[in-house]
Amino acid sequence: QVQLVESGGGLVQPGGSLRLSCAASGSTYRLGAMGWQRQAPGKQREVVAFITSSGNTIYADSVKGRFTISRDNAKTTVNLQLDSLKPEDTAVYFCYANSEYFGATYWGQGTQVTVSS
């Protein structure tokens, strides 16, 4: 099994920045894509960004040019740099990882990001 632990959420003013991190542990052999989704109150969960094991990245249109996803060399930690934050970015952000070995997707517990003045 794979465990994911997120960190880095918080309260920030509009235009500010945050950095989210997600560390995988356990059976991390053959982790595939890792990424982030978010869920705002009263809304459906949506994809924010993800990065494949080969380093290809995909972003939601709403965050392109403002968020940057990266992955460490061991491919067990995924980071999300959030810049130029807007109030509409307020949500709980969930990290996920696809395990090619187990054929399953694992999720973190979520971290709150609040953008408000």
Protein backbone atom coordinates (compact mmCIF):
# COMPACT_ATOMS: atom_id res chain seq x y z
CA GLN A 1 0.00 0.00 0.00
CA VAL A 2 0.95 3.63 -0.44
CA GLN A 3 0.54 6.38 2.11
CA LEU A 4 0.49 10.05 1.14
CA VAL A 5 1.12 12.91 3.56
CA GLU A 6 0.49 16.49 2.47
CA SER A 7 1.81 19.71 3.92
CA GLY A 8 1.94 23.40 3.14
CA GLY A 9 -1.62 24.67 3.11
CA GLY A 10 -2.75 27.80 4.88
CA LEU A 11 -4.20 31.28 4.66
CA VAL A 12 -2.75 33.73 2.16
CA GLN A 13 -3.77 37.09 0.72
CA PRO A 14 -4.77 37.44 -2.94
CA GLY A 15 -1.66 37.61 -5.09
CA GLY A 16 0.35 35.62 -2.59
CA SER A 17 2.05 32.25 -2.86
CA LEU A 18 2.02 28.86 -1.17
CA ARG A 19 3.89 25.64 -1.73
CA LEU A 20 2.20 22.30 -1.20
CA SER A 21 4.15 19.08 -0.79
CA CYS A 22 3.04 15.48 -0.82
CA ALA A 23 5.32 12.65 0.25
CA ALA A 24 4.59 9.03 -0.60
CA SER A 25 5.73 6.17 1.61
CA GLY A 26 5.13 2.46 1.87
CA SER A 27 5.21 0.43 -1.34
CA THR A 28 6.30 3.20 -3.70
CA TYR A 29 7.65 0.79 -6.32
CA ARG A 30 6.37 1.73 -9.77
CA LEU A 31 4.50 4.90 -8.89
CA GLY A 32 2.98 6.38 -12.01
CA ALA A 33 1.42 9.81 -12.28
CA MET A 34 1.12 11.96 -9.18
CA GLY A 35 -0.93 15.08 -8.92
CA TRP A 36 -3.36 17.36 -7.17
CA GLN A 37 -7.08 17.83 -7.22
CA ARG A 38 -9.09 20.37 -5.27
CA GLN A 39 -12.59 20.74 -3.95
CA ALA A 40 -14.21 24.02 -3.02
CA PRO A 41 -17.31 24.17 -0.81
CA GLY A 42 -20.41 23.20 -2.75
CA LYS A 43 -18.43 22.29 -5.86
CA GLN A 44 -17.20 19.09 -7.46
CA ARG A 45 -13.63 17.98 -7.10
CA GLU A 46 -11.52 19.11 -10.03
CA VAL A 47 -8.10 18.30 -11.43
CA VAL A 48 -5.49 20.96 -10.74
CA ALA A 49 -2.34 19.43 -12.19
CA PHE A 50 -0.50 16.17 -12.52
CA ILE A 51 2.93 14.95 -13.51
CA THR A 52 3.79 11.60 -15.04
CA SER A 53 6.68 9.38 -14.01
CA SER A 54 8.55 10.64 -17.08
CA GLY A 55 8.03 14.27 -16.08
CA ASN A 56 5.25 15.35 -18.41
CA THR A 57 2.90 17.87 -16.83
CA ILE A 58 -0.74 18.77 -17.32
CA TYR A 59 -2.51 21.79 -15.82
CA ALA A 60 -6.11 22.89 -15.57
CA ASP A 61 -6.73 25.98 -17.67
CA SER A 62 -7.67 27.91 -14.55
CA VAL A 63 -4.19 27.53 -13.04
CA LYS A 64 -1.92 27.58 -16.10
CA GLY A 65 0.84 30.13 -15.71
CA ARG A 66 0.24 30.46 -11.98
CA PHE A 67 0.83 26.97 -10.56
CA THR A 68 3.85 24.75 -11.10
CA ILE A 69 3.98 21.05 -10.35
CA SER A 70 7.25 19.22 -9.81
CA ARG A 71 8.51 15.86 -8.64
CA ASP A 72 11.70 14.84 -6.86
CA ASN A 73 14.30 12.57 -8.41
CA ALA A 74 13.14 9.62 -6.36
CA LYS A 75 9.66 10.27 -7.79
CA THR A 76 8.02 9.84 -4.40
CA THR A 77 7.37 13.50 -3.59
CA VAL A 78 5.26 15.87 -5.62
CA ASN A 79 5.18 19.60 -5.03
CA LEU A 80 2.76 22.26 -6.17
CA GLN A 81 3.89 25.87 -6.22
CA LEU A 82 0.88 28.19 -6.12
CA ASP A 83 1.60 31.76 -7.22
CA SER A 84 -0.65 34.74 -7.94
CA LEU A 85 -3.35 33.16 -5.84
CA LYS A 86 -6.94 34.23 -6.26
CA PRO A 87 -9.92 33.87 -3.89
CA GLU A 88 -11.38 31.31 -6.28
CA ASP A 89 -8.37 29.07 -5.58
CA THR A 90 -9.73 28.54 -2.07
CA ALA A 91 -10.34 24.81 -1.64
CA VAL A 92 -9.14 21.66 0.01
CA TYR A 93 -6.28 20.33 -2.08
CA PHE A 94 -5.82 16.58 -2.33
CA CYS A 95 -2.69 14.82 -3.46
CA TYR A 96 -2.96 11.52 -5.31
CA ALA A 97 -0.65 8.89 -6.72
CA ASN A 98 -1.29 6.12 -9.20
CA SER A 99 0.40 2.86 -8.34
CA GLU A 100 1.17 0.85 -11.45
CA TYR A 101 2.24 -2.02 -9.20
CA PHE A 102 -1.07 -2.25 -7.29
CA GLY A 103 -3.27 -0.89 -10.07
CA ALA A 104 -4.82 1.58 -7.66
CA THR A 105 -4.97 5.29 -6.88
CA TYR A 106 -4.06 6.52 -3.43
CA TRP A 107 -5.10 9.81 -1.83
CA GLY A 108 -3.80 12.14 0.79
CA GLN A 109 -5.94 13.53 3.58
CA GLY A 110 -6.25 16.98 2.02
CA THR A 111 -4.85 20.35 2.97
CA GLN A 112 -6.83 23.59 3.17
CA VAL A 113 -5.82 26.56 1.04
CA THR A 114 -7.66 29.79 1.80
CA VAL A 115 -7.09 32.93 -0.24
CA SER A 116 -8.60 35.95 1.44
CA SER A 117 -7.78 39.49 2.41
